[in-house]
Amino acid sequence: MVRPPPHTGSHATDMSDTSEQDLAALAPEAPEELAVDDGKPHPRRFPWSLIVKALVTAGLAWLIADKVDIAAVADRFRAIDAGWLLLALVAVAAQLALAALRWELILKALHSPLGGRKVVEIFLIGLFFNQALPSSIGGDALRIWRSYNAGLRLGRAVSSVLLDRALGFVALFVLAAGGLPWSFQLFGDHPMRWAPPAFIAAALLGLVVLLLLDRLPQGWQRWRIVRGLAGLARDGRQVLLNLRPLLAMLAVGLGSAVSSVGVVWLLSQALGLPLSYLSCLMLVPILFTVTAVPISLAGWGLREGAAIFLFGLVGLEEHDALALSLAYGLMAALTSLPGGVVWALTRERDRRAHAVANKT
């Protein structure tokens, strides 16, 4: 797909700003689901990325199934506690609500509000494409382009989604930092005892680097993507260096992080696993970071392998760690399904909006 030209009308003046155009360079391609039938042939790209991810997922699944006692995993699922499972479902709902609110606060800090209803709609659709579909269309890409169709400047849509992603991970590691005084006792003399503080330091350093990307050498500015990263840094400072929205985002971000870690712990209790909240606090941020590496379908296979290794550090058996990871993945997929309903109900409307944007 070729990116559509920038909106005109209300968008034209905004997009004439150089920084805004540079930020738009970071946008992914417009997803095919927004394509309009204009009577012209549009060659389809071979889905190499999707095929590679499917092969990686299948390969990891085969390796894990060959190593782990699958019958023991099934036993854990058969004995699952419905009460704890229901609490985990409530925690997922809280986490998703807070994550959507975090994105809305970022948009407001950038003076680009979409409105609560539209934010929830687009957020749920992005979640559906991230979790429930073996698709080459990323949920974040859909969030960006649907926000653009809803009236947001393309650069603002890009920076809001990227900043939301970044702040979500940073919040997890800030929360984990609270457990550092007890982490060395948890891991004993294992070399991996240094992993949580290393990841926490890397997350905070990454945030600082993000905010300073516009300080790169002047000679690098000839590349548009570098200028786009500079625009992202300026937007990041606008979001994070304003005390009032920062306090609200910190509260919401930490609440979302607490809920994310809580989901994993509650699922472990539903499965009857001997796993402490402190263990989840130290290991879940690392698990989520590894899962975010885009080399498998929705993190499947990669998440399970990482869970077996990480939770093994605190004494969890391989089949128990696999059961926990599968339970989390299934719940994530299940709770993303409402986004599929929203997508089906709004797809044609957004396709028409995309067509209008291309004609004006």
Protein backbone atom coordinates (compact mmCIF):
# COMPACT_ATOMS: atom_id res chain seq x y z
CA MET A 1 0.00 0.00 0.00
CA VAL A 2 1.15 3.49 -0.77
CA ARG A 3 0.53 6.05 1.92
CA PRO A 4 -2.30 8.42 1.09
CA PRO A 5 -1.46 12.06 0.64
CA PRO A 6 -1.89 14.27 3.69
CA HIS A 7 -5.37 15.52 4.45
CA THR A 8 -6.23 18.91 3.16
CA GLY A 9 -8.75 21.28 4.65
CA SER A 10 -8.35 21.34 8.41
CA HIS A 11 -5.15 19.29 8.13
CA ALA A 12 -3.44 21.30 5.42
CA THR A 13 -2.16 24.14 7.54
CA ASP A 14 -0.99 21.80 10.28
CA MET A 15 0.86 19.46 7.93
CA SER A 16 2.70 22.33 6.30
CA ASP A 17 4.78 22.52 9.46
CA THR A 18 8.17 20.90 8.77
CA SER A 19 8.36 19.14 12.12
CA GLU A 20 4.93 17.62 11.57
CA GLN A 21 5.88 16.34 8.12
CA ASP A 22 9.09 14.85 9.50
CA LEU A 23 7.16 13.07 12.24
CA ALA A 24 4.85 11.65 9.58
CA ALA A 25 7.92 9.94 8.07
CA LEU A 26 7.81 7.54 11.02
CA ALA A 27 4.32 6.37 10.08
CA PRO A 28 3.91 2.79 8.86
CA GLU A 29 2.19 2.07 5.58
CA ALA A 30 -1.56 2.57 5.53
CA PRO A 31 -3.02 -0.87 6.26
CA GLU A 32 -4.75 -2.70 3.44
CA GLU A 33 -8.00 -2.87 5.38
CA LEU A 34 -8.40 0.87 4.73
CA ALA A 35 -7.83 0.48 1.00
CA VAL A 36 -10.40 1.94 -1.35
CA ASP A 37 -11.49 0.36 -4.63
CA ASP A 38 -10.50 3.09 -7.09
CA GLY A 39 -10.57 0.89 -10.17
CA LYS A 40 -6.77 0.88 -10.46
CA PRO A 41 -4.61 -2.23 -10.07
CA HIS A 42 -2.68 -2.29 -6.80
CA PRO A 43 -0.03 -5.01 -6.63
CA ARG A 44 -0.12 -6.96 -3.41
CA ARG A 45 3.12 -7.53 -1.56
CA PHE A 46 3.99 -11.09 -0.71
CA PRO A 47 3.48 -11.49 3.07
CA TRP A 48 7.08 -12.45 3.86
CA SER A 49 6.87 -11.02 7.36
CA LEU A 50 3.76 -13.03 8.19
CA ILE A 51 5.27 -16.24 6.85
CA VAL A 52 8.53 -15.77 8.77
CA LYS A 53 6.61 -15.08 11.99
CA ALA A 54 4.45 -18.17 11.43
CA LEU A 55 7.56 -20.31 10.91
CA VAL A 56 9.22 -18.91 14.03
CA THR A 57 6.06 -19.49 16.07
CA ALA A 58 5.70 -23.06 14.79
CA GLY A 59 9.37 -23.79 15.42
CA LEU A 60 9.27 -22.48 18.98
CA ALA A 61 6.03 -24.37 19.66
CA TRP A 62 7.60 -27.62 18.44
CA LEU A 63 10.72 -27.14 20.58
CA ILE A 64 8.67 -26.36 23.69
CA ALA A 65 6.22 -29.25 23.14
CA ASP A 66 9.15 -31.62 22.71
CA LYS A 67 10.70 -30.48 25.99
CA VAL A 68 7.73 -29.97 28.32
CA ASP A 69 5.24 -32.45 29.78
CA ILE A 70 2.07 -31.35 27.96
CA ALA A 71 -0.09 -33.76 29.98
CA ALA A 72 0.95 -31.92 33.17
CA VAL A 73 0.00 -28.62 31.51
CA ALA A 74 -3.45 -30.03 30.69
CA ASP A 75 -3.83 -31.17 34.31
CA ARG A 76 -3.23 -27.61 35.51
CA PHE A 77 -5.94 -26.30 33.18
CA ARG A 78 -8.42 -28.95 34.26
CA ALA A 79 -7.96 -27.93 37.90
CA ILE A 80 -8.16 -24.17 37.29
CA ASP A 81 -9.97 -22.15 39.97
CA ALA A 82 -12.89 -20.16 38.52
CA GLY A 83 -12.83 -17.55 41.30
CA TRP A 84 -9.20 -16.57 40.73
CA LEU A 85 -9.82 -16.69 36.97
CA LEU A 86 -12.67 -14.22 37.31
CA LEU A 87 -10.44 -11.88 39.35
CA ALA A 88 -7.81 -12.10 36.59
CA LEU A 89 -10.46 -11.13 34.04
CA VAL A 90 -11.41 -8.10 36.16
CA ALA A 91 -7.71 -7.13 36.35
CA VAL A 92 -7.42 -7.37 32.55
CA ALA A 93 -10.42 -5.08 32.16
CA ALA A 94 -8.87 -2.58 34.58
CA GLN A 95 -5.51 -2.74 32.79
CA LEU A 96 -7.08 -2.11 29.38
CA ALA A 97 -9.21 0.76 30.67
CA LEU A 98 -6.18 2.42 32.25
CA ALA A 99 -4.06 1.85 29.11
CA ALA A 100 -6.72 3.55 26.96
CA LEU A 101 -6.88 6.40 29.46
CA ARG A 102 -3.09 6.76 29.31
CA TRP A 103 -3.24 7.19 25.53
CA GLU A 104 -6.04 9.74 25.90
CA LEU A 105 -3.94 11.73 28.40
CA ILE A 106 -1.00 11.70 25.99
CA LEU A 107 -3.22 12.99 23.19
CA LYS A 108 -4.51 15.78 25.42
CA ALA A 109 -0.96 16.72 26.44
CA LEU A 110 -0.15 17.02 22.73
CA HIS A 111 -3.23 19.24 22.26
CA SER A 112 -4.69 16.64 19.91
CA PRO A 113 -7.68 15.14 21.73
CA LEU A 114 -9.83 12.58 19.95
CA GLY A 115 -12.58 12.24 22.53
CA GLY A 116 -13.02 9.40 24.98
CA ARG A 117 -15.37 7.31 22.82
CA LYS A 118 -13.12 7.49 19.75
CA VAL A 119 -10.02 6.69 21.83
CA VAL A 120 -11.67 3.55 23.25
CA GLU A 121 -12.90 2.50 19.80
CA ILE A 122 -9.50 2.82 18.15
CA PHE A 123 -7.67 1.33 21.14
CA LEU A 124 -9.86 -1.79 21.12
CA ILE A 125 -9.39 -2.29 17.37
CA GLY A 126 -5.61 -2.00 17.76
CA LEU A 127 -5.70 -4.51 20.61
CA PHE A 128 -7.68 -6.95 18.46
CA PHE A 129 -5.18 -6.80 15.61
CA ASN A 130 -2.25 -7.16 18.02
CA GLN A 131 -3.64 -10.16 19.88
CA ALA A 132 -6.29 -12.13 18.03
CA LEU A 133 -5.23 -12.17 14.38
CA PRO A 134 -2.29 -13.85 12.64
CA SER A 135 -1.97 -10.70 10.58
CA SER A 136 0.78 -8.61 9.04
CA ILE A 137 -1.25 -5.54 10.03
CA GLY A 138 0.07 -4.25 13.33
CA GLY A 139 -2.38 -2.96 15.90
CA ASP A 140 -0.24 0.13 16.37
CA ALA A 141 -0.32 0.83 12.63
CA LEU A 142 -4.11 0.65 12.72
CA ARG A 143 -4.22 2.96 15.72
CA ILE A 144 -2.10 5.52 13.86
CA TRP A 145 -4.11 5.48 10.64
CA ARG A 146 -7.53 5.34 12.23
CA SER A 147 -6.55 8.29 14.42
CA TYR A 148 -5.49 10.11 11.26
CA ASN A 149 -8.82 9.33 9.58
CA ALA A 150 -10.59 10.59 12.72
CA GLY A 151 -9.00 14.02 12.23
CA LEU A 152 -5.64 13.79 13.97
CA ARG A 153 -2.56 15.07 12.19
CA LEU A 154 -0.48 12.12 10.98
CA GLY A 155 2.63 13.19 12.90
CA ARG A 156 0.63 13.58 16.11
CA ALA A 157 -0.94 10.16 15.60
CA VAL A 158 2.51 8.62 15.18
CA SER A 159 4.05 10.30 18.22
CA SER A 160 1.07 9.60 20.48
CA VAL A 161 1.13 5.84 19.75
CA LEU A 162 4.93 5.55 20.01
CA LEU A 163 5.00 7.53 23.26
CA ASP A 164 2.15 5.43 24.64
CA ARG A 165 4.10 2.26 23.89
CA ALA A 166 7.29 3.64 25.42
CA LEU A 167 5.62 4.96 28.57
CA GLY A 168 3.78 1.68 29.09
CA PHE A 169 7.06 -0.23 29.26
CA VAL A 170 8.78 2.42 31.39
CA ALA A 171 5.90 2.29 33.90
CA LEU A 172 6.35 -1.47 34.26
CA PHE A 173 10.03 -1.08 35.07
CA VAL A 174 9.45 1.86 37.41
CA LEU A 175 7.04 -0.40 39.29
CA ALA A 176 9.63 -3.19 39.30
CA ALA A 177 12.17 -0.79 40.79
CA GLY A 178 10.06 -0.76 43.94
CA GLY A 179 10.86 -4.44 44.45
CA LEU A 180 14.61 -4.18 43.89
CA PRO A 181 15.54 -4.24 47.62
CA TRP A 182 14.07 -7.76 47.83
CA SER A 183 15.10 -9.02 44.39
CA PHE A 184 18.59 -10.19 45.36
CA GLN A 185 17.14 -12.34 48.13
CA LEU A 186 14.65 -13.72 45.60
CA PHE A 187 17.29 -14.79 43.05
CA GLY A 188 20.07 -15.71 45.46
CA ASP A 189 23.50 -16.06 43.82
CA HIS A 190 22.14 -16.72 40.33
CA PRO A 191 23.82 -14.47 37.71
CA MET A 192 20.34 -13.43 36.52
CA ARG A 193 19.87 -11.51 39.76
CA TRP A 194 21.34 -8.58 37.87
CA ALA A 195 18.76 -8.79 35.07
CA PRO A 196 15.95 -6.78 36.76
CA PRO A 197 18.19 -3.81 37.72
CA ALA A 198 19.81 -3.93 34.27
CA PHE A 199 16.44 -3.83 32.50
CA ILE A 200 15.21 -1.06 34.81
CA ALA A 201 18.32 1.02 34.12
CA ALA A 202 18.00 0.38 30.37
CA ALA A 203 14.33 1.44 30.39
CA LEU A 204 15.06 4.71 32.19
CA LEU A 205 18.12 5.39 30.02
CA GLY A 206 16.02 4.67 26.93
CA LEU A 207 13.47 7.24 28.04
CA VAL A 208 16.20 9.86 28.50
CA VAL A 209 17.62 9.07 25.05
CA LEU A 210 14.13 9.34 23.54
CA LEU A 211 13.73 12.83 24.98
CA LEU A 212 17.12 13.92 23.59
CA LEU A 213 16.84 12.59 20.04
CA ASP A 214 16.61 16.14 18.67
CA ARG A 215 20.14 16.75 20.01
CA LEU A 216 21.69 14.42 17.43
CA PRO A 217 24.54 15.88 15.30
CA GLN A 218 23.38 18.47 12.80
CA GLY A 219 24.80 16.51 9.90
CA TRP A 220 22.40 13.67 10.61
CA GLN A 221 19.43 15.98 10.12
CA ARG A 222 19.61 15.49 6.35
CA TRP A 223 17.82 12.17 6.85
CA ARG A 224 14.11 12.64 7.24
CA ILE A 225 13.73 9.76 9.68
CA VAL A 226 16.24 11.45 11.99
CA ARG A 227 14.21 14.64 11.81
CA GLY A 228 11.13 12.53 12.58
CA LEU A 229 12.82 11.13 15.70
CA ALA A 230 13.70 14.69 16.68
CA GLY A 231 10.03 15.62 16.42
CA LEU A 232 9.19 12.61 18.59
CA ALA A 233 11.64 13.87 21.22
CA ARG A 234 10.02 17.30 21.25
CA ASP A 235 6.58 15.74 21.64
CA GLY A 236 7.95 13.52 24.39
CA ARG A 237 9.19 16.54 26.34
CA GLN A 238 5.86 18.27 25.81
CA VAL A 239 4.13 15.26 27.37
CA LEU A 240 6.56 14.51 30.20
CA LEU A 241 7.91 17.89 31.27
CA ASN A 242 4.51 19.40 32.01
CA LEU A 243 3.84 18.69 35.69
CA ARG A 244 0.03 18.47 35.71
CA PRO A 245 -0.41 15.93 32.88
CA LEU A 246 2.73 14.12 34.05
CA LEU A 247 1.27 13.41 37.50
CA ALA A 248 -1.94 12.10 35.95
CA MET A 249 -0.02 9.91 33.49
CA LEU A 250 2.21 8.57 36.27
CA ALA A 251 -0.81 7.56 38.31
CA VAL A 252 -2.58 5.97 35.36
CA GLY A 253 0.59 4.34 34.01
CA LEU A 254 1.52 2.80 37.35
CA GLY A 255 -2.07 1.64 37.84
CA SER A 256 -1.95 -0.07 34.45
CA ALA A 257 1.41 -1.66 35.33
CA VAL A 258 0.09 -2.94 38.67
CA SER A 259 -2.87 -4.46 36.84
CA SER A 260 -0.63 -6.07 34.19
CA VAL A 261 1.55 -7.74 36.81
CA GLY A 262 -1.56 -8.60 38.81
CA VAL A 263 -3.12 -10.45 35.86
CA VAL A 264 -0.14 -12.83 35.68
CA TRP A 265 -0.11 -13.37 39.46
CA LEU A 266 -3.88 -13.96 39.61
CA LEU A 267 -3.63 -16.49 36.78
CA SER A 268 -0.85 -18.27 38.67
CA GLN A 269 -3.16 -18.53 41.68
CA ALA A 270 -5.98 -19.79 39.46
CA LEU A 271 -3.66 -22.55 38.25
CA GLY A 272 -2.51 -23.33 41.80
CA LEU A 273 1.12 -22.33 41.18
CA PRO A 274 3.57 -21.41 43.96
CA LEU A 275 4.43 -17.98 42.56
CA SER A 276 4.72 -14.80 44.64
CA TYR A 277 3.66 -11.33 43.55
CA LEU A 278 7.28 -10.19 44.06
CA SER A 279 8.44 -12.79 41.54
CA CYS A 280 5.89 -11.49 39.04
CA LEU A 281 6.88 -7.91 39.80
CA MET A 282 10.52 -8.64 38.93
CA LEU A 283 9.99 -10.96 35.97
CA VAL A 284 6.81 -9.86 34.16
CA PRO A 285 8.32 -6.59 32.81
CA ILE A 286 11.19 -8.60 31.32
CA LEU A 287 8.75 -11.18 29.94
CA PHE A 288 6.62 -8.49 28.28
CA THR A 289 9.71 -6.81 26.82
CA VAL A 290 10.89 -10.07 25.24
CA THR A 291 7.39 -10.82 23.95
CA ALA A 292 7.26 -7.41 22.24
CA VAL A 293 10.11 -8.41 19.88
CA PRO A 294 8.19 -8.78 16.58
CA ILE A 295 9.46 -12.18 15.45
CA SER A 296 6.43 -14.38 16.19
CA LEU A 297 2.65 -14.22 15.83
CA ALA A 298 1.29 -12.07 18.68
CA GLY A 299 4.24 -13.20 20.81
CA TRP A 300 3.15 -16.87 20.82
CA GLY A 301 6.04 -19.27 21.27
CA LEU A 302 8.42 -16.48 22.20
CA ARG A 303 6.41 -15.66 25.33
CA GLU A 304 6.21 -19.34 26.32
CA GLY A 305 9.94 -19.91 25.92
CA ALA A 306 10.78 -16.77 27.89
CA ALA A 307 8.29 -17.69 30.63
CA ILE A 308 9.82 -21.16 31.04
CA PHE A 309 13.28 -19.63 31.44
CA LEU A 310 12.36 -16.63 33.62
CA PHE A 311 9.94 -18.33 36.00
CA GLY A 312 12.34 -21.25 36.24
CA LEU A 313 14.70 -18.83 38.00
CA VAL A 314 12.31 -18.72 40.96
CA GLY A 315 11.69 -22.45 41.06
CA LEU A 316 8.63 -22.87 38.81
CA GLU A 317 8.52 -26.17 36.92
CA GLU A 318 8.64 -25.97 33.12
CA HIS A 319 5.12 -27.31 32.65
CA ASP A 320 3.78 -24.86 35.23
CA ALA A 321 5.48 -21.90 33.56
CA LEU A 322 4.11 -23.04 30.20
CA ALA A 323 0.60 -23.36 31.63
CA LEU A 324 0.82 -19.83 33.05
CA SER A 325 2.03 -18.36 29.76
CA LEU A 326 -0.66 -20.16 27.76
CA ALA A 327 -3.34 -19.00 30.20
CA TYR A 328 -2.14 -15.41 29.84
CA GLY A 329 -2.03 -15.64 26.04
CA LEU A 330 -5.51 -17.14 25.82
CA MET A 331 -6.95 -14.50 28.14
CA ALA A 332 -5.27 -11.73 26.15
CA ALA A 333 -6.74 -13.11 22.93
CA LEU A 334 -10.18 -13.56 24.49
CA THR A 335 -10.34 -10.05 25.93
CA SER A 336 -9.29 -8.56 22.58
CA LEU A 337 -12.35 -9.98 20.80
CA PRO A 338 -14.63 -6.98 21.56
CA GLY A 339 -12.21 -4.98 19.41
CA GLY A 340 -13.02 -7.31 16.53
CA VAL A 341 -16.71 -6.51 16.91
CA VAL A 342 -15.94 -2.77 16.95
CA TRP A 343 -13.74 -3.18 13.87
CA ALA A 344 -16.46 -5.03 11.97
CA LEU A 345 -19.04 -2.38 12.82
CA THR A 346 -16.83 0.58 11.89
CA ARG A 347 -14.73 -0.80 9.03
CA GLU A 348 -16.90 0.45 6.18
CA ARG A 349 -17.32 3.87 7.79
CA ASP A 350 -13.55 4.29 8.12
CA ARG A 351 -12.96 3.01 4.61
CA ARG A 352 -15.27 5.77 3.30
CA ALA A 353 -13.49 8.34 5.47
CA HIS A 354 -10.17 7.20 4.01
CA ALA A 355 -11.59 7.55 0.48
CA VAL A 356 -12.75 11.10 1.19
CA ALA A 357 -9.34 11.99 2.62
CA ASN A 358 -7.65 10.76 -0.56
CA LYS A 359 -9.98 12.73 -2.87
CA THR A 360 -9.82 16.10 -1.07
